[in-house]
Amino acid sequence: MKAMILAAGRGERMRPLTDTNPKPLLRAGGMALIEYQLKALACAGIKELVINHAHLGSHIEAALGDGSDYGIAITYSPEATALETGGGILQALPQLTPGPFIVVNGDVWTDYPFERLPPEPEGLAHLVLVDNPGHHCEGDFALHGSRVMAEGARLTFSGIGVYRPELFEGCEPGAFPLGPLLRRAIGAGRVTGEHYRGRWMDIGTPERLAELDRILTAEIESP
């Protein structure tokens, strides 16, 4: 499988940190957020990775290069203006196809083992759901067995998923979100999922970045 890290967001809530540094390169525990994902994906056997970028994208390319330092081949999908999640994936499809591929949000931190993801999802997508954090108590989707549903006790979408190219059939190039495509596929009963109960954080504010840094630094310094 190939994988994609979504790294084109402006990170408005992270300002002023993101005025001079793209959000995925912000550091916690002595390492950039995106580096944790690179290493985890490489450990799961992923050999080819696409990273999209817009805001300060040249900084990302300069920091990560071709990925050889991480044991993974990186190509880039630059966006003149951010295309949102759906539009960004659609633009990168030629680099990700022909088969299913992994997509990970560039602003999350997790210890999720990517090797658990199904290489051939049963439907159009497979989503990793997590417990609702305090800043997103309403959740996103429900899980009934292995089937993702719109109704029920909702969990939060982690930003980790496996998608088939067919999910994007009929989409036109340009900026658009991924959510409506997922909800349409969920309504058709074509999305599976899992509930991951391990560690996961959405690093959406400077306070959450500082919290993650404290946690990881304490782990590094503990005997």
Protein backbone atom coordinates (compact mmCIF):
# COMPACT_ATOMS: atom_id res chain seq x y z
CA MET A 1 0.00 0.00 0.00
CA LYS A 2 0.93 3.63 -0.49
CA ALA A 3 0.12 6.33 2.03
CA MET A 4 -0.57 10.05 2.11
CA ILE A 5 -0.07 12.59 4.88
CA LEU A 6 -2.30 15.65 4.66
CA ALA A 7 -0.05 18.60 5.41
CA ALA A 8 -1.55 21.53 3.48
CA GLY A 9 -3.53 23.19 6.26
CA ARG A 10 -2.72 26.75 7.28
CA GLY A 11 -3.03 26.02 11.01
CA GLU A 12 -4.84 29.24 11.87
CA ARG A 13 -5.51 28.16 15.46
CA MET A 14 -1.80 27.50 15.92
CA ARG A 15 -0.75 31.05 15.10
CA PRO A 16 1.70 32.65 15.67
CA LEU A 17 3.62 29.33 15.65
CA THR A 18 2.52 28.62 12.08
CA ASP A 19 3.36 32.07 10.76
CA THR A 20 6.92 30.91 10.10
CA ASN A 21 6.64 27.13 10.29
CA PRO A 22 4.11 24.73 8.71
CA LYS A 23 2.02 22.93 11.30
CA PRO A 24 3.39 19.40 10.61
CA LEU A 25 6.92 20.61 11.39
CA LEU A 26 6.02 21.90 14.86
CA ARG A 27 7.96 19.91 17.43
CA ALA A 28 7.01 17.88 20.49
CA GLY A 29 9.31 15.60 22.43
CA GLY A 30 12.26 16.75 20.33
CA MET A 31 10.76 15.71 16.99
CA ALA A 32 8.44 17.22 14.36
CA LEU A 33 4.86 15.95 14.44
CA ILE A 34 5.11 14.58 10.91
CA GLU A 35 8.27 12.62 11.77
CA TYR A 36 6.34 10.46 14.24
CA GLN A 37 3.98 9.51 11.42
CA LEU A 38 6.79 8.87 8.95
CA LYS A 39 8.52 6.50 11.33
CA ALA A 40 5.30 4.69 12.23
CA LEU A 41 4.32 4.23 8.59
CA ALA A 42 7.80 2.99 7.70
CA CYS A 43 7.66 0.51 10.60
CA ALA A 44 4.33 -0.75 9.21
CA GLY A 45 6.02 -1.56 5.90
CA ILE A 46 4.91 1.46 3.87
CA LYS A 47 7.52 2.17 1.20
CA GLU A 48 5.92 5.01 -0.79
CA LEU A 49 4.38 8.16 0.66
CA VAL A 50 2.79 11.30 -0.77
CA ILE A 51 2.70 14.55 1.21
CA ASN A 52 0.55 17.44 0.03
CA HIS A 53 1.42 20.96 1.09
CA ALA A 54 0.48 24.58 0.52
CA HIS A 55 1.41 26.99 3.33
CA LEU A 56 5.22 27.11 3.61
CA GLY A 57 5.38 23.84 1.70
CA SER A 58 8.99 24.36 0.69
CA HIS A 59 9.91 24.09 4.38
CA ILE A 60 8.40 20.60 4.48
CA GLU A 61 10.30 19.47 1.39
CA ALA A 62 13.55 20.92 2.75
CA ALA A 63 13.10 19.19 6.11
CA LEU A 64 12.07 15.75 4.85
CA GLY A 65 13.71 15.52 1.44
CA ASP A 66 13.11 12.31 -0.45
CA GLY A 67 12.42 10.36 2.74
CA SER A 68 15.57 8.25 2.60
CA ASP A 69 16.42 9.22 6.19
CA TYR A 70 13.19 7.54 7.27
CA GLY A 71 13.36 4.49 5.02
CA ILE A 72 10.42 5.63 2.91
CA ALA A 73 10.22 7.23 -0.56
CA ILE A 74 8.46 10.60 -0.38
CA THR A 75 6.88 12.46 -3.28
CA TYR A 76 5.04 15.74 -2.92
CA SER A 77 1.73 17.12 -4.14
CA PRO A 78 2.04 20.91 -3.95
CA GLU A 79 -1.11 23.03 -3.92
CA ALA A 80 -1.08 26.68 -5.00
CA THR A 81 -3.96 27.20 -2.59
CA ALA A 82 -5.09 24.60 -0.08
CA LEU A 83 -7.57 22.16 -1.66
CA GLU A 84 -9.06 20.87 1.63
CA THR A 85 -8.98 17.18 2.46
CA GLY A 86 -11.03 15.84 -0.44
CA GLY A 87 -9.51 18.06 -3.11
CA GLY A 88 -6.01 17.38 -1.86
CA ILE A 89 -6.48 13.62 -2.03
CA LEU A 90 -8.10 13.86 -5.48
CA GLN A 91 -5.14 15.81 -6.86
CA ALA A 92 -2.72 13.21 -5.47
CA LEU A 93 -4.68 10.18 -6.72
CA PRO A 94 -2.34 9.52 -9.68
CA GLN A 95 0.49 9.14 -7.17
CA LEU A 96 -1.54 6.84 -4.90
CA THR A 97 -3.44 4.49 -7.18
CA PRO A 98 -4.27 1.93 -8.49
CA GLY A 99 -5.18 0.20 -5.23
CA PRO A 100 -6.45 1.29 -1.81
CA PHE A 101 -4.25 3.71 0.10
CA ILE A 102 -3.78 5.08 3.61
CA VAL A 103 -4.40 8.73 4.47
CA VAL A 104 -3.34 10.34 7.75
CA ASN A 105 -3.96 13.88 8.96
CA GLY A 106 -0.68 15.69 9.45
CA ASP A 107 -1.78 17.33 12.71
CA VAL A 108 -2.47 14.25 14.84
CA TRP A 109 -0.19 12.29 17.14
CA THR A 110 -0.90 8.66 17.95
CA ASP A 111 0.67 5.33 18.78
CA TYR A 112 -1.78 3.54 16.46
CA PRO A 113 -0.06 0.58 14.74
CA PHE A 114 -0.63 1.25 11.04
CA GLU A 115 0.01 -2.39 10.17
CA ARG A 116 -3.48 -3.09 11.56
CA LEU A 117 -5.14 -1.25 8.68
CA PRO A 118 -6.80 -3.53 6.10
CA PRO A 119 -4.99 -3.49 2.73
CA GLU A 120 -8.29 -4.30 1.03
CA PRO A 121 -11.19 -2.63 2.87
CA GLU A 122 -14.54 -4.36 2.53
CA GLY A 123 -16.22 -1.20 1.22
CA LEU A 124 -15.04 2.14 -0.08
CA ALA A 125 -13.30 3.18 3.12
CA HIS A 126 -12.12 1.97 6.51
CA LEU A 127 -11.93 4.54 9.31
CA VAL A 128 -10.13 4.52 12.65
CA LEU A 129 -12.37 6.03 15.34
CA VAL A 130 -11.27 7.09 18.83
CA ASP A 131 -12.87 8.19 22.09
CA ASN A 132 -14.22 11.73 21.95
CA PRO A 133 -11.73 14.28 23.29
CA GLY A 134 -12.96 17.10 25.51
CA HIS A 135 -12.87 19.60 22.66
CA HIS A 136 -15.04 17.39 20.40
CA CYS A 137 -17.55 15.76 22.72
CA GLU A 138 -20.21 15.28 20.03
CA GLY A 139 -18.06 12.91 17.96
CA ASP A 140 -18.41 12.22 14.25
CA PHE A 141 -19.62 8.71 13.42
CA ALA A 142 -21.10 5.70 15.19
CA LEU A 143 -19.73 2.18 15.03
CA HIS A 144 -21.98 -0.90 14.97
CA GLY A 145 -19.72 -3.92 14.95
CA SER A 146 -17.33 -3.17 12.11
CA ARG A 147 -19.79 -0.94 10.24
CA VAL A 148 -19.57 2.86 10.44
CA MET A 149 -22.99 4.47 10.77
CA ALA A 150 -24.31 8.03 10.88
CA GLU A 151 -26.59 7.42 13.85
CA GLY A 152 -25.83 6.05 17.30
CA ALA A 153 -23.30 6.72 20.04
CA ARG A 154 -20.69 8.69 18.17
CA LEU A 155 -16.94 8.41 18.28
CA THR A 156 -14.39 10.81 16.80
CA PHE A 157 -12.79 10.22 13.43
CA SER A 158 -9.06 10.04 14.11
CA GLY A 159 -7.96 11.33 10.72
CA ILE A 160 -6.61 7.86 9.85
CA GLY A 161 -8.29 5.88 7.09
CA VAL A 162 -7.92 3.57 4.13
CA TYR A 163 -9.69 4.62 0.93
CA ARG A 164 -10.43 3.07 -2.40
CA PRO A 165 -10.01 5.37 -5.43
CA GLU A 166 -13.67 4.68 -6.28
CA LEU A 167 -14.67 6.85 -3.30
CA PHE A 168 -13.67 9.86 -5.40
CA GLU A 169 -15.47 8.88 -8.61
CA GLY A 170 -17.29 11.84 -10.13
CA CYS A 171 -15.35 14.45 -8.15
CA GLU A 172 -14.14 17.53 -9.98
CA PRO A 173 -10.71 19.07 -9.32
CA GLY A 174 -10.70 21.92 -6.83
CA ALA A 175 -11.16 22.48 -3.13
CA PHE A 176 -13.70 20.31 -1.32
CA PRO A 177 -13.90 18.46 2.01
CA LEU A 178 -13.72 14.71 2.47
CA GLY A 179 -16.63 14.55 4.93
CA PRO A 180 -19.51 14.59 2.43
CA LEU A 181 -17.94 11.74 0.43
CA LEU A 182 -17.62 9.67 3.59
CA ARG A 183 -21.17 10.42 4.71
CA ARG A 184 -22.50 9.39 1.28
CA ALA A 185 -20.56 6.11 1.43
CA ILE A 186 -21.68 5.55 5.03
CA GLY A 187 -25.30 6.05 3.98
CA ALA A 188 -24.79 3.36 1.34
CA GLY A 189 -23.36 0.97 3.96
CA ARG A 190 -19.94 0.94 2.35
CA VAL A 191 -17.66 2.10 5.18
CA THR A 192 -16.10 -0.11 7.84
CA GLY A 193 -14.24 1.01 10.91
CA GLU A 194 -12.58 0.19 14.19
CA HIS A 195 -12.44 1.74 17.65
CA TYR A 196 -8.86 2.44 18.69
CA ARG A 197 -8.50 2.87 22.44
CA GLY A 198 -4.80 3.70 22.51
CA ARG A 199 -3.18 7.10 22.59
CA TRP A 200 -4.31 9.76 20.12
CA MET A 201 -4.25 13.56 20.15
CA ASP A 202 -5.46 16.19 17.72
CA ILE A 203 -2.78 18.88 17.91
CA GLY A 204 -5.02 21.78 16.97
CA THR A 205 -3.92 24.47 19.42
CA PRO A 206 -0.65 25.65 21.00
CA GLU A 207 -1.93 24.37 24.33
CA ARG A 208 -2.36 20.83 22.99
CA LEU A 209 1.07 20.97 21.39
CA ALA A 210 2.57 22.01 24.74
CA GLU A 211 0.68 19.19 26.48
CA LEU A 212 2.01 16.62 24.02
CA ASP A 213 5.52 18.01 24.44
CA ARG A 214 5.27 17.63 28.22
CA ILE A 215 4.05 14.03 27.90
CA LEU A 216 6.72 12.95 25.41
CA THR A 217 9.55 14.80 27.14
CA ALA A 218 8.65 13.17 30.45
CA GLU A 219 8.73 9.75 28.80
CA ILE A 220 12.14 10.47 27.27
CA GLU A 221 13.56 11.66 30.57
CA SER A 222 12.09 8.90 32.75
CA PRO A 223 14.61 6.16 33.65
